[in-house]
Amino acid sequence: MFKLTDFDYHGKTVFLRVDLNSPVKDGRIISDARFRGVLPTVLYLLEHGAKVVIGTHQSKPYREDYITTEQHAEILGRLLGVDVEYVEDIFGKCARESIKSLKPGEALILENLRFAAEEVKYKSIEECENTFFVKKLAPLIDYVVNDAFAAAHRSQPSLVGFARLRPMAMGFLMEKEVKALSRAYESYERPKVYVLGGAKVSDSLRVAMNVLKSGRADVILTGGLVGQIFTLAKGYDLGEANIEFMDKKGLIKFVGLAEEILNEFYPQIRTPVDFAVEYKGERLEIDLLSDEKRLFDEHPILDIGSRTVEKYGEMLKKARIIVANGPMGVFEREEFAVGTVGVFRAIGESSAFSVVGGGHSIASIYQHNITGISHISTGGGAMLSFFAGEKLPVLEAFRISYEKFRKKMAGS
């Protein structure tokens, strides 16, 4: 695959696809973590005389954080120390004229790519190639650089549509992500421990199935809704309030698959031994084998308990490779961040090579100043797809582009 340093960018127009999809509160972006992640790539292109056309998406239609990229341009410009022009257009005349007027070392950011209907659906490379977005912009572009690892599991025009039309290189962040995840996935070091939490139950079950069947995991520790589904699959009653909640979320249907995984790999999957609920305004920890578990009928589970954190911590200390995705509970509430913070601290304190991903996970790590984690991934869904052994469309697009252009680039 082409790397960022493979090309001479001076005077060339580069379409740089990044993922600056960020948390928004009251209409304002409240985290610049993803901006900082792509700074080395943007700086490299600008310093090497490229005309940089930046594309990113922000949220999805009809959500509160579905905003324009005007703030993204301001934040990126401030961090770079240069002006980044905000263009209120995606592939129309205004956008194309702005791209043509760029000078070497200048950058602009297009409007939120998801304002274009073509960018919302997943299509094949051939279909993406045939979109108005790609057909209108391809004639203006010399190279494509993709640094949007967090969107690498999606097949959309801005992500894969230029692959056979223009040489496509990995940005520094993309390269770093692929190296770290590949090391964790392929390593023969033992023990290998996976920590699967959060609410992406279907994705997490696919990861569990893949890494256990392929012998890439020795033990899987579960928390969040993933942990609750496996707990139900083990035959424990988590009470009306929790079963009703999971049913509303459409998660109960996954109990059967969780049972199948347990039947084949039972000793390797660990579930919480205690959970925390809110009772009379305070955190109350309930052992799964105690009579107090009747409180699950009326009180939703909001975290794993301290005994579970301790047991998980002991296993994480012995690990040589750790892969973790998703929080253990509702970490946004301080009294229910005990599980998430405890597990992530244990990962940071271990001597293992560790990869932790998922937007919520990252927020918790930064919020609580957790250090010692080897690699913090910017991708939640993309990371889960990777460890589920699935082909990521963007990585496939890199390979296709490399095969198409490598001889031509070698001769230039």
Protein backbone atom coordinates (compact mmCIF):
# COMPACT_ATOMS: atom_id res chain seq x y z
CA MET A 1 0.00 0.00 0.00
CA PHE A 2 1.18 3.55 -0.70
CA LYS A 3 2.47 5.55 2.25
CA LEU A 4 2.20 9.31 2.65
CA THR A 5 5.93 9.77 2.01
CA ASP A 6 5.83 7.94 -1.35
CA PHE A 7 4.76 10.95 -3.44
CA ASP A 8 5.98 14.43 -4.37
CA TYR A 9 3.11 16.74 -3.49
CA HIS A 10 4.53 20.10 -4.54
CA GLY A 11 1.90 22.01 -6.50
CA LYS A 12 -0.40 18.94 -6.52
CA THR A 13 -4.02 18.93 -5.39
CA VAL A 14 -4.65 16.34 -2.68
CA PHE A 15 -8.04 15.17 -1.44
CA LEU A 16 -7.46 14.37 2.23
CA ARG A 17 -10.24 12.30 3.80
CA VAL A 18 -10.18 12.55 7.58
CA ASP A 19 -12.66 11.71 10.33
CA LEU A 20 -13.23 14.82 12.43
CA ASN A 21 -16.62 13.62 13.64
CA SER A 22 -16.58 15.09 17.16
CA PRO A 23 -18.80 15.37 20.22
CA VAL A 24 -21.03 18.47 20.20
CA LYS A 25 -22.75 20.18 23.12
CA ASP A 26 -25.15 23.10 22.67
CA GLY A 27 -24.05 23.42 19.05
CA ARG A 28 -20.32 23.64 19.85
CA ILE A 29 -17.59 21.02 19.33
CA ILE A 30 -16.25 20.08 22.78
CA SER A 31 -13.25 17.86 21.91
CA ASP A 32 -10.34 18.40 19.52
CA ALA A 33 -8.88 14.90 20.00
CA ARG A 34 -9.59 13.77 16.45
CA PHE A 35 -8.19 17.02 15.03
CA ARG A 36 -4.92 16.48 16.89
CA GLY A 37 -4.77 12.93 15.54
CA VAL A 38 -4.57 14.07 11.90
CA LEU A 39 -2.33 17.14 12.42
CA PRO A 40 0.93 15.36 11.43
CA THR A 41 -0.59 14.34 8.08
CA VAL A 42 -2.03 17.79 7.32
CA LEU A 43 1.23 19.50 8.29
CA TYR A 44 3.29 17.13 6.13
CA LEU A 45 1.14 17.88 3.08
CA LEU A 46 1.19 21.65 3.62
CA GLU A 47 4.94 21.70 4.27
CA HIS A 48 5.50 19.76 1.04
CA GLY A 49 3.59 22.28 -1.04
CA ALA A 50 0.32 20.42 -1.52
CA LYS A 51 -3.02 22.11 -2.21
CA VAL A 52 -5.09 20.33 0.43
CA VAL A 53 -8.81 19.65 0.02
CA ILE A 54 -10.09 18.25 3.32
CA GLY A 55 -13.23 16.15 3.52
CA THR A 56 -14.93 14.95 6.71
CA HIS A 57 -18.37 13.95 7.92
CA GLN A 58 -20.07 15.05 11.12
CA SER A 59 -22.78 12.86 12.66
CA LYS A 60 -25.86 11.67 10.73
CA PRO A 61 -29.01 13.40 9.41
CA TYR A 62 -31.58 14.52 11.98
CA ARG A 63 -29.25 14.26 14.97
CA GLU A 64 -28.45 17.20 17.26
CA ASP A 65 -24.74 17.07 16.42
CA TYR A 66 -25.37 17.09 12.65
CA ILE A 67 -23.70 20.46 12.00
CA THR A 68 -21.71 22.18 9.27
CA THR A 69 -17.92 21.96 9.13
CA GLU A 70 -17.44 25.68 9.80
CA GLN A 71 -16.25 25.00 13.35
CA HIS A 72 -14.03 22.18 12.09
CA ALA A 73 -12.24 24.70 9.84
CA GLU A 74 -11.76 27.10 12.78
CA ILE A 75 -10.39 24.42 15.12
CA LEU A 76 -8.08 22.90 12.51
CA GLY A 77 -6.82 26.34 11.49
CA ARG A 78 -6.10 27.26 15.11
CA LEU A 79 -4.16 24.03 15.73
CA LEU A 80 -2.21 24.37 12.47
CA GLY A 81 -1.55 28.08 12.85
CA VAL A 82 -2.82 28.74 9.30
CA ASP A 83 -6.13 29.69 7.72
CA VAL A 84 -8.29 26.76 6.67
CA GLU A 85 -11.02 28.00 4.36
CA TYR A 86 -14.52 26.68 5.03
CA VAL A 87 -16.37 26.01 1.76
CA GLU A 88 -20.14 25.86 2.05
CA ASP A 89 -20.36 23.28 -0.73
CA ILE A 90 -19.28 19.70 -1.43
CA PHE A 91 -18.87 19.10 -5.17
CA GLY A 92 -20.83 21.95 -6.75
CA LYS A 93 -19.47 24.92 -8.69
CA CYS A 94 -18.53 26.84 -5.55
CA ALA A 95 -16.47 23.90 -4.23
CA ARG A 96 -14.77 23.29 -7.57
CA GLU A 97 -13.84 26.96 -8.04
CA SER A 98 -12.44 27.11 -4.50
CA ILE A 99 -10.34 24.00 -5.16
CA LYS A 100 -9.00 25.47 -8.41
CA SER A 101 -7.99 28.68 -6.65
CA LEU A 102 -5.90 26.94 -3.96
CA LYS A 103 -2.18 27.73 -3.92
CA PRO A 104 0.59 25.37 -2.78
CA GLY A 105 0.64 25.16 1.04
CA GLU A 106 -3.02 26.17 1.38
CA ALA A 107 -5.95 24.14 2.70
CA LEU A 108 -9.74 24.24 2.60
CA ILE A 109 -12.40 22.07 4.15
CA LEU A 110 -15.52 21.04 2.26
CA GLU A 111 -18.98 21.11 3.79
CA ASN A 112 -20.09 18.14 5.94
CA LEU A 113 -19.89 15.29 3.42
CA ARG A 114 -23.04 13.70 4.79
CA PHE A 115 -25.04 16.69 3.57
CA ALA A 116 -24.72 14.84 0.23
CA ALA A 117 -27.19 11.96 -0.15
CA GLU A 118 -24.62 9.81 -1.99
CA GLU A 119 -22.37 9.78 1.08
CA VAL A 120 -24.93 8.24 3.44
CA LYS A 121 -25.28 4.76 1.89
CA TYR A 122 -22.74 1.95 1.60
CA LYS A 123 -21.96 0.94 -1.99
CA SER A 124 -19.35 -1.03 -3.96
CA ILE A 125 -16.22 0.73 -5.27
CA GLU A 126 -17.74 0.66 -8.77
CA GLU A 127 -20.93 2.38 -7.58
CA CYS A 128 -18.98 4.88 -5.47
CA GLU A 129 -16.82 5.67 -8.51
CA ASN A 130 -19.95 6.49 -10.48
CA THR A 131 -21.31 9.11 -8.06
CA PHE A 132 -21.56 12.82 -8.80
CA PHE A 133 -19.20 13.45 -5.86
CA VAL A 134 -16.38 11.44 -7.42
CA LYS A 135 -17.04 12.35 -11.06
CA LYS A 136 -17.10 16.10 -10.31
CA LEU A 137 -14.00 16.15 -8.07
CA ALA A 138 -11.73 13.51 -9.63
CA PRO A 139 -10.62 15.75 -12.55
CA LEU A 140 -9.34 18.33 -10.04
CA ILE A 141 -7.39 15.90 -7.84
CA ASP A 142 -3.88 14.46 -8.30
CA TYR A 143 -3.63 12.30 -5.18
CA VAL A 144 -5.91 10.97 -2.45
CA VAL A 145 -4.74 10.58 1.14
CA ASN A 146 -6.99 8.74 3.55
CA ASP A 147 -6.42 9.24 7.28
CA ALA A 148 -9.95 8.34 8.39
CA PHE A 149 -9.37 5.03 10.16
CA ALA A 150 -12.50 5.49 12.28
CA ALA A 151 -14.53 5.23 9.04
CA ALA A 152 -12.43 2.47 7.45
CA HIS A 153 -15.26 -0.06 7.82
CA ARG A 154 -17.53 1.99 5.55
CA SER A 155 -17.74 1.87 1.77
CA GLN A 156 -18.77 5.38 0.68
CA PRO A 157 -17.74 7.67 -2.21
CA SER A 158 -15.33 9.88 -0.27
CA LEU A 159 -13.67 6.87 1.35
CA VAL A 160 -13.22 4.43 -1.54
CA GLY A 161 -14.55 6.10 -4.70
CA PHE A 162 -11.22 7.51 -5.98
CA ALA A 163 -9.17 4.33 -5.42
CA ARG A 164 -8.98 3.23 -9.08
CA LEU A 165 -8.89 6.78 -10.44
CA ARG A 166 -6.06 8.32 -8.43
CA PRO A 167 -3.13 7.00 -6.35
CA MET A 168 -4.39 6.65 -2.77
CA ALA A 169 -2.01 6.73 0.20
CA MET A 170 -2.34 6.09 3.93
CA GLY A 171 -2.00 9.12 6.17
CA PHE A 172 0.26 8.89 9.22
CA LEU A 173 -2.66 8.18 11.57
CA MET A 174 -4.03 5.44 9.32
CA GLU A 175 -0.59 3.82 9.07
CA LYS A 176 -0.13 3.97 12.85
CA GLU A 177 -3.57 2.41 13.44
CA VAL A 178 -3.06 -0.44 10.98
CA LYS A 179 0.39 -1.25 12.44
CA ALA A 180 -0.84 -1.29 16.05
CA LEU A 181 -3.99 -3.32 15.38
CA SER A 182 -2.11 -5.77 13.17
CA ARG A 183 0.52 -6.29 15.88
CA ALA A 184 -2.14 -7.04 18.50
CA TYR A 185 -4.12 -9.31 16.17
CA GLU A 186 -1.21 -11.30 14.72
CA SER A 187 1.06 -11.51 17.78
CA TYR A 188 1.97 -14.92 19.21
CA GLU A 189 2.67 -13.44 22.67
CA ARG A 190 0.54 -14.95 25.44
CA PRO A 191 -1.74 -14.53 27.30
CA LYS A 192 -3.93 -12.48 24.93
CA VAL A 193 -6.85 -10.84 26.69
CA TYR A 194 -9.79 -9.11 24.99
CA VAL A 195 -12.05 -6.73 26.92
CA LEU A 196 -15.43 -6.24 25.25
CA GLY A 197 -17.81 -3.67 26.70
CA GLY A 198 -20.14 -0.92 25.57
CA ALA A 199 -23.36 -1.29 23.61
CA LYS A 200 -22.16 -2.69 20.26
CA VAL A 201 -23.31 -6.20 21.13
CA SER A 202 -23.54 -7.62 17.60
CA ASP A 203 -20.05 -6.36 16.66
CA SER A 204 -18.55 -7.61 19.93
CA LEU A 205 -20.05 -11.08 19.48
CA ARG A 206 -18.48 -11.27 16.01
CA VAL A 207 -15.11 -10.32 17.52
CA ALA A 208 -15.49 -12.94 20.27
CA MET A 209 -16.38 -15.66 17.77
CA ASN A 210 -13.49 -14.79 15.45
CA VAL A 211 -10.67 -14.44 17.99
CA LEU A 212 -11.70 -17.55 19.92
CA LYS A 213 -12.15 -19.74 16.84
CA SER A 214 -8.84 -18.58 15.35
CA GLY A 215 -6.99 -19.04 18.66
CA ARG A 216 -6.18 -15.33 18.87
CA ALA A 217 -7.63 -14.89 22.37
CA ASP A 218 -7.01 -16.75 25.62
CA VAL A 219 -9.70 -15.00 27.62
CA ILE A 220 -12.44 -12.45 26.99
CA LEU A 221 -13.57 -10.12 29.79
CA THR A 222 -17.01 -8.59 29.29
CA GLY A 223 -18.80 -5.52 30.61
CA GLY A 224 -21.41 -2.98 29.59
CA LEU A 225 -24.37 -4.36 27.65
CA VAL A 226 -22.08 -6.99 26.09
CA GLY A 227 -21.43 -8.34 29.58
CA GLN A 228 -25.13 -8.33 30.41
CA ILE A 229 -26.02 -10.34 27.29
CA PHE A 230 -23.39 -12.97 28.14
CA THR A 231 -24.63 -13.01 31.76
CA LEU A 232 -28.17 -13.71 30.54
CA ALA A 233 -26.78 -16.41 28.24
CA LYS A 234 -25.18 -18.07 31.29
CA GLY A 235 -28.66 -18.40 32.77
CA TYR A 236 -28.65 -15.57 35.32
CA ASP A 237 -31.77 -13.44 35.79
CA LEU A 238 -30.95 -9.73 35.51
CA GLY A 239 -34.46 -8.61 36.43
CA GLU A 240 -37.39 -7.04 34.62
CA ALA A 241 -35.94 -3.50 34.38
CA ASN A 242 -32.78 -4.67 32.60
CA ILE A 243 -34.36 -7.28 30.36
CA GLU A 244 -37.00 -4.75 29.30
CA PHE A 245 -34.29 -2.16 28.52
CA MET A 246 -32.27 -4.62 26.43
CA ASP A 247 -35.43 -5.75 24.66
CA LYS A 248 -36.25 -2.12 23.71
CA LYS A 249 -32.70 -1.79 22.34
CA GLY A 250 -33.24 -4.92 20.22
CA LEU A 251 -30.47 -6.82 22.05
CA ILE A 252 -32.30 -9.80 23.56
CA LYS A 253 -32.15 -11.53 20.17
CA PHE A 254 -28.37 -11.87 20.64
CA VAL A 255 -28.67 -14.05 23.75
CA GLY A 256 -28.94 -17.15 21.54
CA LEU A 257 -25.68 -16.38 19.72
CA ALA A 258 -23.99 -15.63 23.05
CA GLU A 259 -25.15 -19.06 24.28
CA GLU A 260 -23.62 -20.73 21.21
CA ILE A 261 -20.27 -18.99 21.86
CA LEU A 262 -20.40 -20.00 25.54
CA ASN A 263 -21.19 -23.62 24.67
CA GLU A 264 -18.02 -23.79 22.60
CA PHE A 265 -15.68 -21.56 24.62
CA TYR A 266 -17.25 -21.34 28.11
CA PRO A 267 -14.11 -21.12 30.31
CA GLN A 268 -12.58 -18.41 28.14
CA ILE A 269 -15.43 -15.91 28.52
CA ARG A 270 -15.64 -14.11 31.86
CA THR A 271 -18.73 -12.19 32.92
CA PRO A 272 -19.25 -9.81 35.84
CA VAL A 273 -19.77 -11.35 39.30
CA ASP A 274 -21.38 -8.16 40.60
CA PHE A 275 -23.12 -5.12 39.16
CA ALA A 276 -23.88 -1.59 40.38
CA VAL A 277 -27.29 0.10 40.37
CA GLU A 278 -28.60 3.40 41.65
CA TYR A 279 -30.52 2.80 44.88
CA LYS A 280 -31.92 5.66 46.97
CA GLY A 281 -29.73 8.13 45.08
CA GLU A 282 -26.47 6.24 45.63
CA ARG A 283 -24.32 3.54 44.02
CA LEU A 284 -25.21 0.10 45.32
CA GLU A 285 -23.19 -2.97 44.32
CA ILE A 286 -25.10 -6.23 44.06
CA ASP A 287 -23.50 -9.68 43.96
CA LEU A 288 -25.09 -11.92 41.33
CA LEU A 289 -25.51 -14.70 43.87
CA SER A 290 -27.02 -12.54 46.63
CA ASP A 291 -30.68 -12.06 47.50
CA GLU A 292 -30.31 -8.36 46.70
CA LYS A 293 -30.40 -9.23 42.99
CA ARG A 294 -34.20 -8.85 43.28
CA LEU A 295 -33.45 -5.09 43.01
CA PHE A 296 -32.61 -5.71 39.31
CA ASP A 297 -36.38 -5.90 38.74
CA GLU A 298 -36.72 -2.16 39.33
CA HIS A 299 -33.20 -0.71 39.08
CA PRO A 300 -31.20 -0.66 35.83
CA ILE A 301 -27.61 -1.92 35.90
CA LEU A 302 -25.26 1.04 35.39
CA ASP A 303 -21.80 -0.47 35.96
CA ILE A 304 -19.86 -3.59 36.88
CA GLY A 305 -19.01 -3.98 40.57
CA SER A 306 -15.73 -3.67 42.49
CA ARG A 307 -15.22 -7.44 42.83
CA THR A 308 -15.44 -7.78 39.06
CA VAL A 309 -12.93 -4.93 38.59
CA GLU A 310 -10.55 -6.70 40.99
CA LYS A 311 -10.88 -10.08 39.23
CA TYR A 312 -10.44 -8.50 35.78
CA GLY A 313 -7.44 -6.53 37.05
CA GLU A 314 -5.66 -9.71 38.14
CA MET A 315 -6.05 -11.23 34.66
CA LEU A 316 -4.97 -8.03 32.91
CA LYS A 317 -1.77 -7.88 35.00
CA LYS A 318 -0.66 -11.23 33.58
CA ALA A 319 -1.52 -10.39 29.95
CA ARG A 320 1.07 -9.82 27.22
CA ILE A 321 -1.42 -8.50 24.64
CA ILE A 322 -4.63 -6.62 25.51
CA VAL A 323 -7.35 -5.45 23.13
CA ALA A 324 -10.20 -3.45 24.69
CA ASN A 325 -13.25 -1.76 23.23
CA GLY A 326 -16.11 -0.02 24.99
CA PRO A 327 -16.81 1.11 28.56
CA MET A 328 -17.92 -1.13 31.44
CA GLY A 329 -20.90 1.05 32.30
CA VAL A 330 -22.41 4.54 32.28
CA PHE A 331 -19.04 6.21 32.87
CA GLU A 332 -20.47 9.68 32.14
CA ARG A 333 -21.84 9.59 35.71
CA GLU A 334 -18.88 9.73 38.09
CA GLU A 335 -20.27 7.20 40.58
CA PHE A 336 -20.72 4.69 37.75
CA ALA A 337 -17.31 5.23 36.14
CA VAL A 338 -15.70 2.90 38.72
CA GLY A 339 -15.73 -0.13 36.40
CA THR A 340 -14.54 1.62 33.25
CA VAL A 341 -11.79 3.60 35.02
CA GLY A 342 -10.70 0.58 37.09
CA VAL A 343 -10.36 -1.70 34.06
CA PHE A 344 -8.63 0.93 31.89
CA ARG A 345 -6.21 1.80 34.72
CA ALA A 346 -5.37 -1.90 35.07
CA ILE A 347 -4.68 -2.03 31.31
CA GLY A 348 -2.42 1.03 31.58
CA GLU A 349 -0.54 -0.44 34.56
CA SER A 350 0.04 -3.80 32.87
CA SER A 351 3.24 -4.51 30.94
CA ALA A 352 1.20 -5.76 27.96
CA PHE A 353 1.11 -4.23 24.50
CA SER A 354 -2.39 -2.74 24.65
CA VAL A 355 -4.86 -1.38 22.12
CA VAL A 356 -7.96 0.42 23.38
CA GLY A 357 -10.66 1.86 21.11
CA GLY A 358 -14.15 3.28 20.92
CA GLY A 359 -15.21 6.92 21.25
CA HIS A 360 -16.55 6.48 24.77
CA SER A 361 -13.44 4.60 25.84
CA ILE A 362 -11.19 7.38 24.58
CA ALA A 363 -13.25 10.05 26.37
CA SER A 364 -12.94 8.14 29.64
CA ILE A 365 -9.18 7.65 29.27
CA TYR A 366 -8.55 11.36 28.70
CA GLN A 367 -11.07 12.48 31.31
CA HIS A 368 -9.40 10.41 34.05
CA ASN A 369 -5.78 10.95 32.92
CA ILE A 370 -5.15 7.23 32.40
CA THR A 371 -1.64 6.56 31.07
CA GLY A 372 0.39 3.54 30.00
CA ILE A 373 -1.87 2.30 27.18
CA SER A 374 0.27 1.45 24.14
CA HIS A 375 -2.18 2.56 21.44
CA ILE A 376 -5.46 4.43 21.72
CA SER A 377 -7.42 3.77 18.54
CA THR A 378 -9.59 6.48 16.99
CA GLY A 379 -11.96 3.85 15.59
CA GLY A 380 -14.65 1.99 17.50
CA GLY A 381 -16.68 0.28 14.78
CA ALA A 382 -13.65 0.02 12.47
CA MET A 383 -11.56 -1.54 15.22
CA LEU A 384 -14.27 -4.09 16.02
CA SER A 385 -14.60 -4.99 12.32
CA PHE A 386 -10.82 -5.44 12.13
CA PHE A 387 -10.71 -7.84 15.10
CA ALA A 388 -13.79 -9.64 13.80
CA GLY A 389 -11.55 -10.62 10.88
CA GLU A 390 -13.64 -8.69 8.36
CA LYS A 391 -12.25 -6.92 5.32
CA LEU A 392 -12.33 -3.16 5.84
CA PRO A 393 -13.42 -1.41 2.61
CA VAL A 394 -10.87 1.40 2.99
CA LEU A 395 -7.97 -1.03 3.46
CA GLU A 396 -9.18 -2.95 0.42
CA ALA A 397 -9.30 0.35 -1.51
CA PHE A 398 -5.65 1.03 -0.58
CA ARG A 399 -4.67 -2.37 -1.99
CA ILE A 400 -6.64 -1.83 -5.20
CA SER A 401 -5.11 1.62 -5.73
CA TYR A 402 -1.60 0.28 -5.06
CA GLU A 403 -2.02 -2.52 -7.60
CA LYS A 404 -3.40 -0.08 -10.19
CA PHE A 405 -0.74 2.64 -9.84
CA ARG A 406 2.43 1.10 -8.41
CA LYS A 407 4.14 0.52 -11.79
CA LYS A 408 3.22 3.97 -13.01
CA MET A 409 4.48 5.59 -9.78
CA ALA A 410 7.69 3.53 -9.82
CA GLY A 411 8.45 4.79 -13.32
CA SER A 412 7.68 8.45 -12.59
